[in-house]
């Protein structure tokens, strides 16, 4: 598997690029290989795959995370369309607490983003009928599901979708602000978080 992995401004969040092998029939791509990812520093056991489809441009999903013992690492890719993908550091004591990074993840670019435990994650769809597939390292647990409001002025994400355009679930409209979040994660030197 050919894999290129690079950290963003919050280096724990990584962009992954994998190759496609094209011919007259279409393409083949190995989108995940445990050994290749481990060699790139992402040594995570993924337990569940999720697949979302958002009909309209401007659909916002997030910002979500799960708490222990069901905290999740995520590996996100787009099978159709494009998303503005965001990760927010919610680890108490982190030098980057409340800071965020974003990337455009798309079927055309064929890139992926890795979001580790301790980061809230969300995205806005940039095209209609966008399909997102993501791996998680813990099973879904409604009792451990938490979130952060998508438009918190303290976090100040420059979404490409206006508040008028945003399509949100009722749950995501009621998420707390960063200042209202209890301490769910604590920062530790690299490799010691959880």
N, C-alpha and C. Protein backbone atom coordinates (compact mmCIF):
# COMPACT_ATOMS: atom_id res chain seq x y z
N UNK A 1 0.84 -1.18 0.00
CA UNK A 1 0.00 0.00 0.00
C UNK A 1 0.89 1.25 0.00
N UNK A 2 0.61 2.18 -0.90
CA UNK A 2 1.32 3.45 -0.94
C UNK A 2 0.53 4.47 -0.12
N UNK A 3 1.17 5.00 0.93
CA UNK A 3 0.47 5.88 1.88
C UNK A 3 1.36 7.06 2.23
N UNK A 4 0.79 8.27 2.16
CA UNK A 4 1.49 9.48 2.59
C UNK A 4 0.69 10.06 3.75
N UNK A 5 1.36 10.30 4.88
CA UNK A 5 0.69 10.76 6.10
C UNK A 5 1.39 12.02 6.59
N UNK A 6 0.62 13.11 6.78
CA UNK A 6 1.22 14.34 7.29
C UNK A 6 0.33 14.99 8.33
N UNK A 7 0.95 15.49 9.39
CA UNK A 7 0.22 16.17 10.45
C UNK A 7 -0.19 17.57 10.02
N UNK A 8 -1.29 18.04 10.59
CA UNK A 8 -1.77 19.40 10.34
C UNK A 8 -1.20 20.33 11.42
N UNK A 9 -1.74 21.53 11.56
CA UNK A 9 -1.26 22.48 12.57
C UNK A 9 -1.43 21.90 13.98
N UNK A 10 -2.44 21.09 14.19
CA UNK A 10 -2.54 20.26 15.40
C UNK A 10 -2.01 18.90 14.96
N UNK A 11 -0.74 18.59 15.25
CA UNK A 11 -0.06 17.48 14.59
C UNK A 11 -0.65 16.10 14.86
N UNK A 12 -1.45 15.96 15.90
CA UNK A 12 -2.08 14.67 16.16
C UNK A 12 -3.13 14.34 15.09
N UNK A 13 -3.69 15.38 14.46
CA UNK A 13 -4.66 15.22 13.38
C UNK A 13 -3.87 15.12 12.08
N UNK A 14 -4.14 14.07 11.30
CA UNK A 14 -3.30 13.80 10.14
C UNK A 14 -4.13 13.64 8.86
N UNK A 15 -3.55 14.12 7.76
CA UNK A 15 -4.11 13.89 6.44
C UNK A 15 -3.40 12.68 5.84
N UNK A 16 -4.18 11.78 5.29
CA UNK A 16 -3.68 10.54 4.69
C UNK A 16 -3.99 10.57 3.20
N UNK A 17 -3.01 10.28 2.41
CA UNK A 17 -3.21 10.12 0.96
C UNK A 17 -2.80 8.72 0.57
N UNK A 18 -3.71 8.02 -0.11
CA UNK A 18 -3.42 6.67 -0.60
C UNK A 18 -3.55 6.69 -2.12
N UNK A 19 -2.89 5.74 -2.75
CA UNK A 19 -2.85 5.72 -4.21
C UNK A 19 -4.10 5.06 -4.79
N UNK A 20 -4.37 5.40 -6.02
CA UNK A 20 -5.39 4.74 -6.84
C UNK A 20 -4.69 4.14 -8.05
N UNK A 21 -5.09 2.96 -8.43
CA UNK A 21 -4.57 2.31 -9.64
C UNK A 21 -5.69 2.33 -10.67
N UNK A 22 -5.52 3.14 -11.72
CA UNK A 22 -6.58 3.35 -12.71
C UNK A 22 -6.28 2.61 -14.00
N UNK A 23 -7.35 2.17 -14.64
CA UNK A 23 -7.27 1.64 -15.99
C UNK A 23 -8.61 1.91 -16.67
N UNK A 24 -8.83 1.31 -17.82
CA UNK A 24 -10.05 1.58 -18.59
C UNK A 24 -11.32 1.19 -17.83
N UNK A 25 -11.21 0.27 -16.89
CA UNK A 25 -12.40 -0.17 -16.13
C UNK A 25 -12.78 0.79 -15.03
N UNK A 26 -11.82 1.59 -14.54
CA UNK A 26 -12.06 2.46 -13.39
C UNK A 26 -10.82 2.51 -12.52
N UNK A 27 -10.95 2.18 -11.22
CA UNK A 27 -9.77 2.20 -10.36
C UNK A 27 -9.89 1.16 -9.26
N UNK A 28 -8.74 0.87 -8.65
CA UNK A 28 -8.64 0.06 -7.43
C UNK A 28 -7.83 0.87 -6.44
N UNK A 29 -8.26 0.86 -5.18
CA UNK A 29 -7.51 1.56 -4.14
C UNK A 29 -7.61 0.80 -2.84
N UNK A 30 -6.47 0.58 -2.23
CA UNK A 30 -6.43 -0.01 -0.89
C UNK A 30 -6.54 1.17 0.08
N UNK A 31 -7.71 1.35 0.68
CA UNK A 31 -7.96 2.55 1.50
C UNK A 31 -7.51 2.38 2.95
N UNK A 32 -7.32 1.15 3.39
CA UNK A 32 -6.84 0.91 4.75
C UNK A 32 -6.03 -0.37 4.79
N UNK A 33 -4.88 -0.30 5.43
CA UNK A 33 -4.03 -1.47 5.66
C UNK A 33 -3.41 -1.26 7.03
N UNK A 34 -3.73 -2.11 7.97
CA UNK A 34 -3.27 -1.94 9.36
C UNK A 34 -1.75 -1.76 9.46
N UNK A 35 -1.00 -2.55 8.72
CA UNK A 35 0.47 -2.46 8.80
C UNK A 35 0.99 -1.13 8.25
N UNK A 36 0.45 -0.70 7.12
CA UNK A 36 0.89 0.57 6.53
C UNK A 36 0.55 1.74 7.44
N UNK A 37 -0.64 1.73 8.02
CA UNK A 37 -1.03 2.81 8.92
C UNK A 37 -0.18 2.79 10.19
N UNK A 38 0.10 1.60 10.71
CA UNK A 38 0.95 1.48 11.89
C UNK A 38 2.35 2.02 11.61
N UNK A 39 2.88 1.70 10.44
CA UNK A 39 4.20 2.21 10.05
C UNK A 39 4.19 3.73 9.91
N UNK A 40 3.02 4.32 9.64
CA UNK A 40 2.89 5.78 9.52
C UNK A 40 2.58 6.43 10.88
N UNK A 41 2.58 5.63 11.94
CA UNK A 41 2.36 6.18 13.29
C UNK A 41 0.92 6.14 13.76
N UNK A 42 0.03 5.52 13.00
CA UNK A 42 -1.38 5.39 13.41
C UNK A 42 -1.60 3.93 13.74
N UNK A 43 -1.31 3.59 14.99
CA UNK A 43 -1.39 2.21 15.45
C UNK A 43 -2.68 2.05 16.26
N UNK A 44 -3.79 1.96 15.55
CA UNK A 44 -5.12 1.93 16.15
C UNK A 44 -5.86 0.71 15.64
N UNK A 45 -6.60 0.06 16.52
CA UNK A 45 -7.46 -1.03 16.08
C UNK A 45 -8.86 -0.47 15.87
N UNK A 46 -9.31 -0.44 14.63
CA UNK A 46 -10.65 0.05 14.32
C UNK A 46 -11.65 -1.09 14.45
N UNK A 47 -12.79 -0.79 15.08
CA UNK A 47 -13.78 -1.83 15.39
C UNK A 47 -15.09 -1.69 14.63
N UNK A 48 -15.34 -0.52 14.04
CA UNK A 48 -16.64 -0.30 13.42
C UNK A 48 -16.47 0.66 12.25
N UNK A 49 -17.21 0.41 11.17
CA UNK A 49 -17.26 1.33 10.03
C UNK A 49 -18.64 1.97 10.00
N UNK A 50 -18.67 3.27 9.71
CA UNK A 50 -19.93 4.02 9.58
C UNK A 50 -19.97 4.66 8.21
N UNK A 51 -21.17 4.84 7.68
CA UNK A 51 -21.35 5.41 6.35
C UNK A 51 -22.53 6.38 6.42
N UNK A 52 -22.27 7.66 6.10
CA UNK A 52 -23.35 8.64 6.09
C UNK A 52 -23.54 9.15 4.66
N UNK A 53 -24.78 9.53 4.36
CA UNK A 53 -25.09 10.19 3.10
C UNK A 53 -25.91 11.43 3.44
N UNK A 54 -25.47 12.56 2.96
CA UNK A 54 -26.16 13.83 3.20
C UNK A 54 -26.67 14.34 1.86
N UNK A 55 -27.98 14.49 1.76
CA UNK A 55 -28.60 14.87 0.49
C UNK A 55 -28.25 16.29 0.06
N UNK A 56 -28.17 17.21 1.02
CA UNK A 56 -28.02 18.62 0.65
C UNK A 56 -26.65 19.17 1.01
N UNK A 57 -26.16 20.08 0.16
CA UNK A 57 -24.98 20.86 0.50
C UNK A 57 -25.33 21.69 1.74
N UNK A 58 -24.38 21.84 2.64
CA UNK A 58 -24.63 22.63 3.85
C UNK A 58 -25.09 21.81 5.03
N UNK A 59 -25.12 20.47 4.89
CA UNK A 59 -25.44 19.62 6.03
C UNK A 59 -24.23 19.58 6.96
N UNK A 60 -24.47 19.88 8.22
CA UNK A 60 -23.40 19.85 9.22
C UNK A 60 -23.67 18.70 10.17
N UNK A 61 -22.66 17.87 10.35
CA UNK A 61 -22.72 16.77 11.31
C UNK A 61 -21.60 16.99 12.30
N UNK A 62 -21.97 17.23 13.55
CA UNK A 62 -20.94 17.46 14.56
C UNK A 62 -21.16 18.77 15.27
N UNK A 63 -20.29 19.01 16.14
CA UNK A 63 -18.99 18.40 16.43
C UNK A 63 -19.18 17.31 17.48
N UNK A 64 -18.76 16.09 17.18
CA UNK A 64 -19.05 14.93 18.02
C UNK A 64 -17.79 14.28 18.59
N UNK A 65 -17.98 13.57 19.69
CA UNK A 65 -16.95 12.69 20.25
C UNK A 65 -17.63 11.77 21.24
N UNK A 66 -16.96 10.69 21.60
CA UNK A 66 -17.43 9.81 22.67
C UNK A 66 -16.41 9.83 23.79
N UNK A 67 -16.92 9.62 25.01
CA UNK A 67 -16.06 9.62 26.19
C UNK A 67 -15.74 8.18 26.62
N UNK A 68 -14.74 8.05 27.47
CA UNK A 68 -14.31 6.74 27.99
C UNK A 68 -15.48 6.05 28.70
N UNK A 69 -15.57 4.76 28.60
CA UNK A 69 -14.62 3.83 27.98
C UNK A 69 -14.89 3.59 26.49
N UNK A 70 -15.67 4.44 25.84
CA UNK A 70 -15.98 4.28 24.42
C UNK A 70 -15.43 5.42 23.57
N UNK A 71 -14.36 6.08 24.05
CA UNK A 71 -13.74 7.15 23.27
C UNK A 71 -13.24 6.58 21.94
N UNK A 72 -13.32 7.39 20.89
CA UNK A 72 -13.04 6.90 19.55
C UNK A 72 -11.97 7.69 18.81
N UNK A 73 -11.03 6.98 18.22
CA UNK A 73 -10.21 7.51 17.13
C UNK A 73 -11.08 7.36 15.88
N UNK A 74 -10.90 8.26 14.90
CA UNK A 74 -11.68 8.18 13.66
C UNK A 74 -10.76 8.31 12.45
N UNK A 75 -11.09 7.56 11.42
CA UNK A 75 -10.43 7.66 10.13
C UNK A 75 -11.53 7.91 9.10
N UNK A 76 -11.52 9.11 8.51
CA UNK A 76 -12.65 9.60 7.71
C UNK A 76 -12.23 9.75 6.24
N UNK A 77 -13.07 9.26 5.35
CA UNK A 77 -12.86 9.47 3.92
C UNK A 77 -14.19 9.73 3.23
N UNK A 78 -14.16 10.25 2.03
CA UNK A 78 -15.36 10.59 1.28
C UNK A 78 -15.43 9.71 0.04
N UNK A 79 -16.55 8.99 -0.11
CA UNK A 79 -16.74 8.11 -1.26
C UNK A 79 -17.37 8.87 -2.43
N UNK A 80 -18.17 9.90 -2.10
CA UNK A 80 -18.79 10.73 -3.14
C UNK A 80 -18.98 12.14 -2.58
N UNK A 81 -18.60 13.14 -3.37
CA UNK A 81 -18.77 14.52 -2.94
C UNK A 81 -17.55 15.07 -2.22
N UNK A 82 -17.80 16.03 -1.31
CA UNK A 82 -16.70 16.70 -0.61
C UNK A 82 -17.22 17.27 0.70
N UNK A 83 -16.33 17.34 1.70
CA UNK A 83 -16.66 17.91 2.99
C UNK A 83 -15.58 18.86 3.47
N UNK A 84 -16.01 19.80 4.28
CA UNK A 84 -15.12 20.66 5.05
C UNK A 84 -15.06 20.00 6.41
N UNK A 85 -13.94 19.36 6.72
CA UNK A 85 -13.81 18.51 7.91
C UNK A 85 -13.04 19.25 8.99
N UNK A 86 -13.52 19.17 10.24
CA UNK A 86 -12.97 19.94 11.35
C UNK A 86 -12.67 19.03 12.54
N UNK A 87 -11.55 19.29 13.21
CA UNK A 87 -11.21 18.65 14.48
C UNK A 87 -10.86 19.74 15.49
N UNK A 88 -11.44 19.64 16.70
CA UNK A 88 -11.21 20.62 17.77
C UNK A 88 -10.59 19.90 18.96
N UNK A 89 -9.50 20.43 19.47
CA UNK A 89 -8.83 19.85 20.64
C UNK A 89 -9.67 20.14 21.89
N UNK A 90 -10.17 19.08 22.54
CA UNK A 90 -10.96 19.23 23.77
C UNK A 90 -10.27 18.55 24.96
N UNK A 91 -8.95 18.46 24.91
CA UNK A 91 -8.17 17.85 25.99
C UNK A 91 -7.77 18.93 26.98
N UNK A 92 -8.32 18.86 28.18
CA UNK A 92 -7.99 19.85 29.22
C UNK A 92 -6.48 19.85 29.47
N UNK A 93 -5.90 21.03 29.57
CA UNK A 93 -4.48 21.17 29.82
C UNK A 93 -3.62 21.15 28.57
N UNK A 94 -4.22 20.90 27.43
CA UNK A 94 -3.47 20.89 26.18
C UNK A 94 -3.05 22.31 25.80
N UNK A 95 -1.85 22.48 25.28
CA UNK A 95 -1.45 23.82 24.82
C UNK A 95 -2.29 24.30 23.64
N UNK A 96 -3.01 23.39 22.99
CA UNK A 96 -3.87 23.77 21.87
C UNK A 96 -5.36 23.57 22.20
N UNK A 97 -5.70 23.54 23.48
CA UNK A 97 -7.10 23.35 23.89
C UNK A 97 -8.00 24.40 23.23
N UNK A 98 -9.08 23.94 22.64
CA UNK A 98 -10.03 24.84 21.99
C UNK A 98 -9.64 25.28 20.59
N UNK A 99 -8.44 24.92 20.16
CA UNK A 99 -7.99 25.25 18.80
C UNK A 99 -8.53 24.18 17.84
N UNK A 100 -8.61 24.55 16.58
CA UNK A 100 -9.12 23.61 15.60
C UNK A 100 -8.27 23.62 14.33
N UNK A 101 -8.43 22.56 13.57
CA UNK A 101 -7.86 22.47 12.22
C UNK A 101 -8.98 21.99 11.30
N UNK A 102 -8.80 22.29 10.03
CA UNK A 102 -9.78 21.82 9.05
C UNK A 102 -9.05 21.40 7.78
N UNK A 103 -9.74 20.60 6.99
CA UNK A 103 -9.23 20.16 5.69
C UNK A 103 -10.42 19.86 4.80
N UNK A 104 -10.22 20.02 3.50
CA UNK A 104 -11.21 19.58 2.53
C UNK A 104 -10.89 18.12 2.21
N UNK A 105 -11.86 17.26 2.48
CA UNK A 105 -11.73 15.83 2.20
C UNK A 105 -12.74 15.54 1.09
N UNK A 106 -12.28 14.91 0.02
CA UNK A 106 -13.19 14.72 -1.12
C UNK A 106 -12.92 13.42 -1.85
N UNK A 107 -13.93 12.97 -2.58
CA UNK A 107 -13.76 11.80 -3.43
C UNK A 107 -12.76 12.10 -4.54
N UNK A 108 -12.76 13.32 -5.05
CA UNK A 108 -11.84 13.69 -6.12
C UNK A 108 -10.39 13.66 -5.63
N UNK A 109 -10.12 14.21 -4.46
CA UNK A 109 -8.75 14.22 -3.92
C UNK A 109 -8.35 12.84 -3.39
N UNK A 110 -9.32 12.02 -3.03
CA UNK A 110 -9.12 10.67 -2.51
C UNK A 110 -8.22 10.68 -1.27
N UNK A 111 -8.43 11.69 -0.43
CA UNK A 111 -7.66 11.82 0.81
C UNK A 111 -8.51 11.38 1.99
N UNK A 112 -7.87 11.24 3.14
CA UNK A 112 -8.54 10.85 4.37
C UNK A 112 -8.01 11.74 5.50
N UNK A 113 -8.73 11.75 6.61
CA UNK A 113 -8.26 12.48 7.78
C UNK A 113 -8.39 11.57 9.00
N UNK A 114 -7.35 11.60 9.82
CA UNK A 114 -7.33 10.83 11.07
C UNK A 114 -7.52 11.80 12.22
N UNK A 115 -8.53 11.52 13.07
CA UNK A 115 -8.83 12.34 14.24
C UNK A 115 -8.69 11.45 15.47
N UNK A 116 -7.73 11.74 16.35
CA UNK A 116 -7.52 10.89 17.52
C UNK A 116 -8.50 11.19 18.66
N UNK A 117 -8.50 10.33 19.63
CA UNK A 117 -9.27 10.54 20.86
C UNK A 117 -8.85 11.87 21.47
N UNK A 118 -9.83 12.60 22.01
CA UNK A 118 -9.55 13.89 22.63
C UNK A 118 -9.85 15.07 21.74
N UNK A 119 -10.38 14.79 20.54
CA UNK A 119 -10.75 15.84 19.60
C UNK A 119 -12.21 15.68 19.21
N UNK A 120 -12.94 16.80 19.22
CA UNK A 120 -14.31 16.80 18.68
C UNK A 120 -14.19 16.86 17.16
N UNK A 121 -15.09 16.17 16.48
CA UNK A 121 -15.02 16.07 15.03
C UNK A 121 -16.36 16.42 14.39
N UNK A 122 -16.31 17.12 13.29
CA UNK A 122 -17.51 17.41 12.54
C UNK A 122 -17.17 17.79 11.11
N UNK A 123 -18.22 17.88 10.30
CA UNK A 123 -17.99 18.30 8.91
C UNK A 123 -19.24 18.95 8.34
N UNK A 124 -19.00 19.74 7.29
CA UNK A 124 -20.07 20.34 6.49
C UNK A 124 -19.94 19.81 5.08
N UNK A 125 -21.06 19.41 4.48
CA UNK A 125 -21.00 18.92 3.11
C UNK A 125 -20.90 20.10 2.15
N UNK A 126 -20.05 19.93 1.15
CA UNK A 126 -19.82 20.98 0.16
C UNK A 126 -20.51 20.68 -1.16
N UNK A 127 -21.06 19.47 -1.28
CA UNK A 127 -21.77 19.07 -2.49
C UNK A 127 -22.99 18.26 -2.08
N UNK A 128 -24.03 18.26 -2.93
CA UNK A 128 -25.18 17.40 -2.62
C UNK A 128 -24.81 15.92 -2.72
N UNK A 129 -25.58 15.10 -2.04
CA UNK A 129 -25.42 13.63 -2.07
C UNK A 129 -24.00 13.19 -1.71
N UNK A 130 -23.45 13.83 -0.71
CA UNK A 130 -22.10 13.48 -0.26
C UNK A 130 -22.16 12.26 0.66
N UNK A 131 -21.27 11.31 0.39
CA UNK A 131 -21.18 10.10 1.20
C UNK A 131 -19.84 10.05 1.92
N UNK A 132 -19.90 9.86 3.24
CA UNK A 132 -18.72 9.82 4.08
C UNK A 132 -18.65 8.46 4.76
N UNK A 133 -17.48 7.86 4.72
CA UNK A 133 -17.24 6.56 5.37
C UNK A 133 -16.15 6.77 6.40
N UNK A 134 -16.42 6.32 7.63
CA UNK A 134 -15.38 6.47 8.64
C UNK A 134 -15.29 5.27 9.56
N UNK A 135 -14.05 4.97 9.90
CA UNK A 135 -13.74 3.90 10.84
C UNK A 135 -13.62 4.50 12.23
N UNK A 136 -14.04 3.75 13.24
CA UNK A 136 -13.90 4.19 14.63
C UNK A 136 -13.29 3.07 15.46
N UNK A 137 -12.59 3.46 16.53
CA UNK A 137 -11.86 2.49 17.34
C UNK A 137 -12.65 1.97 18.53
N UNK A 138 -13.89 2.43 18.68
CA UNK A 138 -14.78 1.91 19.74
C UNK A 138 -16.19 1.88 19.17
N UNK A 139 -16.99 0.99 19.69
CA UNK A 139 -18.36 0.87 19.22
C UNK A 139 -19.17 2.10 19.63
N UNK A 140 -20.22 2.38 18.87
CA UNK A 140 -21.10 3.50 19.21
C UNK A 140 -21.79 3.20 20.53
N UNK A 141 -21.82 4.19 21.41
CA UNK A 141 -22.50 4.07 22.69
C UNK A 141 -23.27 5.35 22.96
N UNK A 142 -24.61 5.32 22.84
CA UNK A 142 -25.40 6.54 23.05
C UNK A 142 -25.14 7.19 24.40
N UNK A 143 -24.88 6.40 25.44
CA UNK A 143 -24.64 6.94 26.78
C UNK A 143 -23.33 7.71 26.88
N UNK A 144 -22.41 7.46 25.96
CA UNK A 144 -21.09 8.10 25.99
C UNK A 144 -20.91 9.11 24.86
N UNK A 145 -21.96 9.34 24.11
CA UNK A 145 -21.94 10.27 22.99
C UNK A 145 -22.02 11.71 23.52
N UNK A 146 -21.09 12.56 23.09
CA UNK A 146 -21.06 13.96 23.52
C UNK A 146 -20.79 14.84 22.31
N UNK A 147 -20.86 16.16 22.53
CA UNK A 147 -20.61 17.06 21.42
C UNK A 147 -20.29 18.46 21.87
N UNK A 148 -20.00 19.27 20.88
CA UNK A 148 -19.65 20.68 21.04
C UNK A 148 -20.44 21.42 19.96
N UNK A 149 -21.01 22.57 20.29
CA UNK A 149 -21.81 23.31 19.32
C UNK A 149 -20.94 23.74 18.14
N UNK A 150 -21.43 23.59 16.95
CA UNK A 150 -20.66 23.79 15.72
C UNK A 150 -20.20 25.23 15.53
N UNK A 151 -20.96 26.19 16.03
CA UNK A 151 -20.67 27.60 15.76
C UNK A 151 -20.25 28.36 17.02
N UNK A 152 -19.60 27.70 17.95
CA UNK A 152 -19.14 28.33 19.18
C UNK A 152 -18.18 29.48 18.82
N UNK A 153 -18.50 30.72 19.22
CA UNK A 153 -17.62 31.84 18.88
C UNK A 153 -16.23 31.73 19.51
N UNK A 154 -16.11 31.03 20.63
CA UNK A 154 -14.80 30.85 21.26
C UNK A 154 -13.88 29.99 20.38
N UNK A 155 -14.45 28.99 19.73
CA UNK A 155 -13.67 28.12 18.84
C UNK A 155 -13.44 28.82 17.50
N UNK A 156 -14.42 29.57 17.03
CA UNK A 156 -14.30 30.45 15.85
C UNK A 156 -13.90 29.70 14.57
N UNK A 157 -14.63 28.67 14.26
CA UNK A 157 -14.40 27.94 13.00
C UNK A 157 -14.99 28.79 11.87
N UNK A 158 -14.22 28.98 10.82
CA UNK A 158 -14.67 29.74 9.66
C UNK A 158 -15.32 28.79 8.66
N UNK A 159 -16.51 28.32 9.01
CA UNK A 159 -17.24 27.37 8.17
C UNK A 159 -17.55 27.99 6.81
N UNK A 160 -17.54 27.20 5.75
CA UNK A 160 -17.92 27.71 4.44
C UNK A 160 -19.44 27.73 4.25
N UNK A 161 -20.18 27.48 5.32
CA UNK A 161 -21.64 27.44 5.32
C UNK A 161 -22.11 28.49 6.31
N UNK A 162 -23.05 29.33 5.92
CA UNK A 162 -23.57 30.35 6.85
C UNK A 162 -24.55 29.70 7.82
N UNK A 163 -24.85 30.39 8.90
CA UNK A 163 -25.81 29.87 9.88
C UNK A 163 -27.19 29.70 9.26
N UNK A 164 -27.52 30.52 8.29
CA UNK A 164 -28.82 30.41 7.61
C UNK A 164 -28.86 29.17 6.73
N UNK A 165 -27.74 28.85 6.07
CA UNK A 165 -27.67 27.69 5.18
C UNK A 165 -27.54 26.37 5.92
N UNK A 166 -27.01 26.39 7.13
CA UNK A 166 -26.66 25.16 7.85
C UNK A 166 -27.86 24.28 8.10
N UNK A 167 -27.72 23.02 7.80
CA UNK A 167 -28.75 22.01 8.04
C UNK A 167 -28.22 21.12 9.16
N UNK A 168 -28.89 21.15 10.31
CA UNK A 168 -28.42 20.45 11.50
C UNK A 168 -29.50 19.56 12.09
N UNK A 169 -29.09 18.52 12.78
CA UNK A 169 -30.04 17.72 13.55
C UNK A 169 -30.44 18.51 14.79
N UNK A 170 -31.56 18.15 15.39
CA UNK A 170 -31.98 18.81 16.64
C UNK A 170 -30.91 18.63 17.71
N UNK A 171 -30.31 17.45 17.76
CA UNK A 171 -29.26 17.18 18.76
C UNK A 171 -28.09 18.15 18.58
N UNK A 172 -27.66 18.35 17.34
CA UNK A 172 -26.50 19.21 17.10
C UNK A 172 -26.81 20.69 17.34
N UNK A 173 -28.05 21.07 17.26
CA UNK A 173 -28.43 22.46 17.57
C UNK A 173 -28.34 22.75 19.06
N UNK A 174 -28.34 21.70 19.89
CA UNK A 174 -28.37 21.88 21.35
C UNK A 174 -27.06 21.53 22.04
N UNK A 175 -26.00 21.33 21.30
CA UNK A 175 -24.72 20.95 21.93
C UNK A 175 -24.18 22.12 22.76
N UNK A 176 -23.38 21.83 23.78
CA UNK A 176 -22.82 22.89 24.64
C UNK A 176 -21.66 23.63 23.96
N UNK A 177 -21.33 24.77 24.51
CA UNK A 177 -20.15 25.50 24.07
C UNK A 177 -18.92 24.90 24.75
N UNK A 178 -17.75 25.30 24.28
CA UNK A 178 -16.50 24.82 24.88
C UNK A 178 -16.43 25.18 26.36
N UNK A 179 -16.86 26.38 26.73
CA UNK A 179 -16.79 26.80 28.14
C UNK A 179 -17.75 26.01 29.02
N UNK A 180 -18.74 25.36 28.42
CA UNK A 180 -19.70 24.55 29.18
C UNK A 180 -19.30 23.07 29.27
N UNK A 181 -18.27 22.68 28.52
CA UNK A 181 -17.88 21.26 28.51
C UNK A 181 -17.20 20.87 29.81
N UNK A 182 -17.62 19.77 30.42
CA UNK A 182 -16.84 19.22 31.54
C UNK A 182 -15.50 18.70 31.01
N UNK A 183 -14.60 18.36 31.91
CA UNK A 183 -13.32 17.77 31.51
C UNK A 183 -13.54 16.29 31.23
N UNK A 184 -13.52 15.95 29.95
CA UNK A 184 -13.67 14.55 29.55
C UNK A 184 -12.33 13.91 29.21
N UNK A 185 -11.39 14.74 28.73
CA UNK A 185 -10.07 14.26 28.32
C UNK A 185 -9.02 15.16 28.94
N UNK A 186 -7.90 14.59 29.29
CA UNK A 186 -6.78 15.36 29.82
C UNK A 186 -5.58 15.18 28.91
N UNK A 187 -4.88 16.26 28.71
CA UNK A 187 -3.69 16.24 27.86
C UNK A 187 -2.53 15.58 28.60
N UNK A 188 -1.77 14.80 27.88
CA UNK A 188 -0.53 14.22 28.39
C UNK A 188 0.49 14.31 27.25
N UNK A 189 1.76 14.26 27.55
CA UNK A 189 2.75 14.29 26.47
C UNK A 189 2.44 13.24 25.42
N UNK A 190 2.89 13.51 24.22
CA UNK A 190 2.59 12.68 23.06
C UNK A 190 2.70 11.18 23.37
N UNK A 191 1.67 10.45 22.95
CA UNK A 191 1.66 9.01 23.13
C UNK A 191 1.07 8.56 24.46
N UNK A 192 0.73 9.51 25.34
CA UNK A 192 0.23 9.14 26.66
C UNK A 192 -1.23 9.54 26.86
N UNK A 193 -1.87 10.17 25.83
CA UNK A 193 -3.26 10.59 25.99
C UNK A 193 -4.17 9.38 26.11
N UNK A 194 -5.34 9.59 26.62
CA UNK A 194 -6.45 8.62 26.67
C UNK A 194 -7.28 8.93 27.88
